[in-house]
Amino acid sequence: MNIKRFGQGNNLLWKDRKRWAGLPLSFTRYFLIEKPDQWVKFFTSIGLFNTTDEELYLFRVFDITVEQTFMNKIFNEGTIILHVNDESANKIEIKRVLNPFKVKEMISDYVEFERRRRGMAVAEFHS
């Protein structure tokens, strides 16, 4: 996939697909994109012919959960749940991606980076 659809000059930090038994057999795609010195956003793209794209500024994340079933553990995949303060949803599920704990830590690091860049604390955006 060409990340130019997310804008010129952006960097792809991470991408994966929703998986079935470890295989990327889904049209649900996840991206972590950075526009240097401006923002880091999480994107979800669902569909093949008709697609729905959603985006989330990472500074809106206030908690992260990882869920793994027994089968997920066998295939080293899991679901990451981002608890967010956003008008469209209060949580975003990143379903069945590889290395969920590494991805969670990476997202968590970028969340903190974005908060520091914007001079924000968690208490500033809880409702």
Protein backbone atom coordinates (compact mmCIF):
# COMPACT_ATOMS: atom_id res chain seq x y z
CA MET A 1 0.00 0.00 0.00
CA ASN A 2 1.19 3.47 -0.82
CA ILE A 3 1.29 5.68 2.28
CA LYS A 4 1.08 8.79 0.10
CA ARG A 5 -2.67 8.52 0.58
CA PHE A 6 -2.00 9.77 4.12
CA GLY A 7 -0.18 12.85 2.82
CA GLN A 8 3.20 13.84 1.42
CA GLY A 9 6.28 13.72 3.62
CA ASN A 10 4.85 11.21 6.09
CA ASN A 11 6.79 8.33 7.64
CA LEU A 12 5.37 4.86 8.11
CA LEU A 13 6.27 3.78 11.66
CA TRP A 14 4.35 0.48 11.75
CA LYS A 15 1.76 -1.44 9.76
CA ASP A 16 -0.01 -4.78 10.05
CA ARG A 17 -3.25 -6.52 9.17
CA LYS A 18 -5.86 -8.29 11.22
CA ARG A 19 -4.80 -11.93 11.20
CA TRP A 20 -6.40 -15.37 11.24
CA ALA A 21 -4.17 -18.06 12.79
CA GLY A 22 -1.14 -15.84 12.22
CA LEU A 23 -1.89 -15.22 8.53
CA PRO A 24 -2.81 -11.75 7.19
CA LEU A 25 -6.04 -12.92 5.51
CA SER A 26 -8.08 -9.80 6.11
CA PHE A 27 -8.85 -6.47 4.50
CA THR A 28 -8.48 -4.67 7.84
CA ARG A 29 -5.18 -2.81 7.86
CA TYR A 30 -3.54 -0.78 10.61
CA PHE A 31 -0.96 2.00 10.23
CA LEU A 32 1.03 4.21 12.56
CA ILE A 33 2.04 7.29 10.56
CA GLU A 34 4.15 10.30 11.50
CA LYS A 35 4.19 13.70 9.88
CA PRO A 36 7.55 14.95 11.23
CA ASP A 37 7.30 17.84 13.70
CA GLN A 38 3.49 17.89 13.42
CA TRP A 39 1.70 14.70 14.50
CA VAL A 40 1.65 10.94 14.96
CA LYS A 41 -1.66 9.27 14.06
CA PHE A 42 -3.07 5.77 14.12
CA PHE A 43 -5.09 4.78 11.02
CA THR A 44 -7.48 1.88 10.46
CA SER A 45 -8.47 1.00 6.90
CA ILE A 46 -11.24 -1.56 6.40
CA GLY A 47 -12.40 -2.99 3.07
CA LEU A 48 -11.23 -3.93 -0.40
CA PHE A 49 -13.47 -2.26 -2.97
CA ASN A 50 -15.27 0.09 -0.59
CA THR A 51 -13.00 1.22 2.20
CA THR A 52 -13.53 3.03 5.46
CA ASP A 53 -10.54 4.87 6.90
CA GLU A 54 -10.44 6.14 10.47
CA GLU A 55 -7.71 8.16 12.11
CA LEU A 56 -6.79 8.90 15.70
CA TYR A 57 -4.34 11.43 17.11
CA LEU A 58 -2.26 9.43 19.57
CA PHE A 59 -2.35 12.09 22.28
CA ARG A 60 -6.04 11.12 22.76
CA VAL A 61 -5.09 7.65 24.10
CA PHE A 62 -5.26 7.44 27.90
CA ASP A 63 -4.92 3.67 28.47
CA ILE A 64 -3.84 0.58 26.52
CA THR A 65 -4.89 -3.05 27.07
CA VAL A 66 -3.61 -6.23 25.40
CA GLU A 67 -5.86 -9.29 25.15
CA GLN A 68 -4.62 -12.72 24.11
CA THR A 69 -6.53 -15.97 23.87
CA PHE A 70 -4.74 -19.29 24.12
CA MET A 71 -4.80 -19.57 20.30
CA ASN A 72 -3.47 -16.01 19.98
CA LYS A 73 -0.51 -16.98 22.16
CA ILE A 74 0.27 -19.95 19.91
CA PHE A 75 0.46 -17.65 16.86
CA ASN A 76 2.08 -14.71 18.75
CA GLU A 77 -0.84 -12.42 17.99
CA GLY A 78 -3.25 -10.45 20.12
CA THR A 79 -5.72 -7.60 20.27
CA ILE A 80 -4.62 -4.18 21.50
CA ILE A 81 -7.36 -1.97 22.90
CA LEU A 82 -6.75 1.78 22.90
CA HIS A 83 -8.98 3.56 25.43
CA VAL A 84 -9.42 7.02 23.97
CA ASN A 85 -11.07 10.35 24.50
CA ASP A 86 -12.52 10.80 21.03
CA GLU A 87 -15.93 11.91 19.75
CA SER A 88 -16.41 8.88 17.49
CA ALA A 89 -15.45 6.12 19.96
CA ASN A 90 -14.25 5.50 23.48
CA LYS A 91 -12.07 2.57 22.45
CA ILE A 92 -10.28 1.39 19.34
CA GLU A 93 -9.50 -2.30 18.88
CA ILE A 94 -6.43 -3.31 16.92
CA LYS A 95 -7.47 -6.89 16.34
CA ARG A 96 -5.14 -9.88 16.15
CA VAL A 97 -1.81 -8.29 15.18
CA LEU A 98 1.62 -9.88 15.48
CA ASN A 99 3.80 -9.18 18.52
CA PRO A 100 1.06 -7.34 20.43
CA PHE A 101 3.20 -6.49 23.47
CA LYS A 102 5.95 -4.93 21.33
CA VAL A 103 3.36 -2.97 19.37
CA LYS A 104 1.68 -1.83 22.60
CA GLU A 105 5.00 -0.53 23.92
CA MET A 106 5.72 1.28 20.66
CA ILE A 107 2.29 2.92 20.67
CA SER A 108 2.67 3.82 24.33
CA ASP A 109 6.03 5.49 23.62
CA TYR A 110 4.51 7.54 20.80
CA VAL A 111 1.53 8.50 22.99
CA GLU A 112 3.92 9.90 25.61
CA PHE A 113 6.00 11.60 22.92
CA GLU A 114 2.91 13.31 21.50
CA ARG A 115 1.73 14.42 24.94
CA ARG A 116 5.13 15.94 25.76
CA ARG A 117 5.30 17.67 22.37
CA ARG A 118 1.87 19.22 23.01
CA GLY A 119 2.53 19.96 26.69
CA MET A 120 -0.39 17.80 27.84
CA ALA A 121 -1.09 15.57 30.81
CA VAL A 122 -3.63 12.75 30.97
CA ALA A 123 -5.91 14.70 33.33
CA GLU A 124 -6.26 17.48 30.76
CA PHE A 125 -8.52 15.46 28.48
CA HIS A 126 -10.45 13.01 30.67
CA SER A 127 -14.18 13.71 30.70
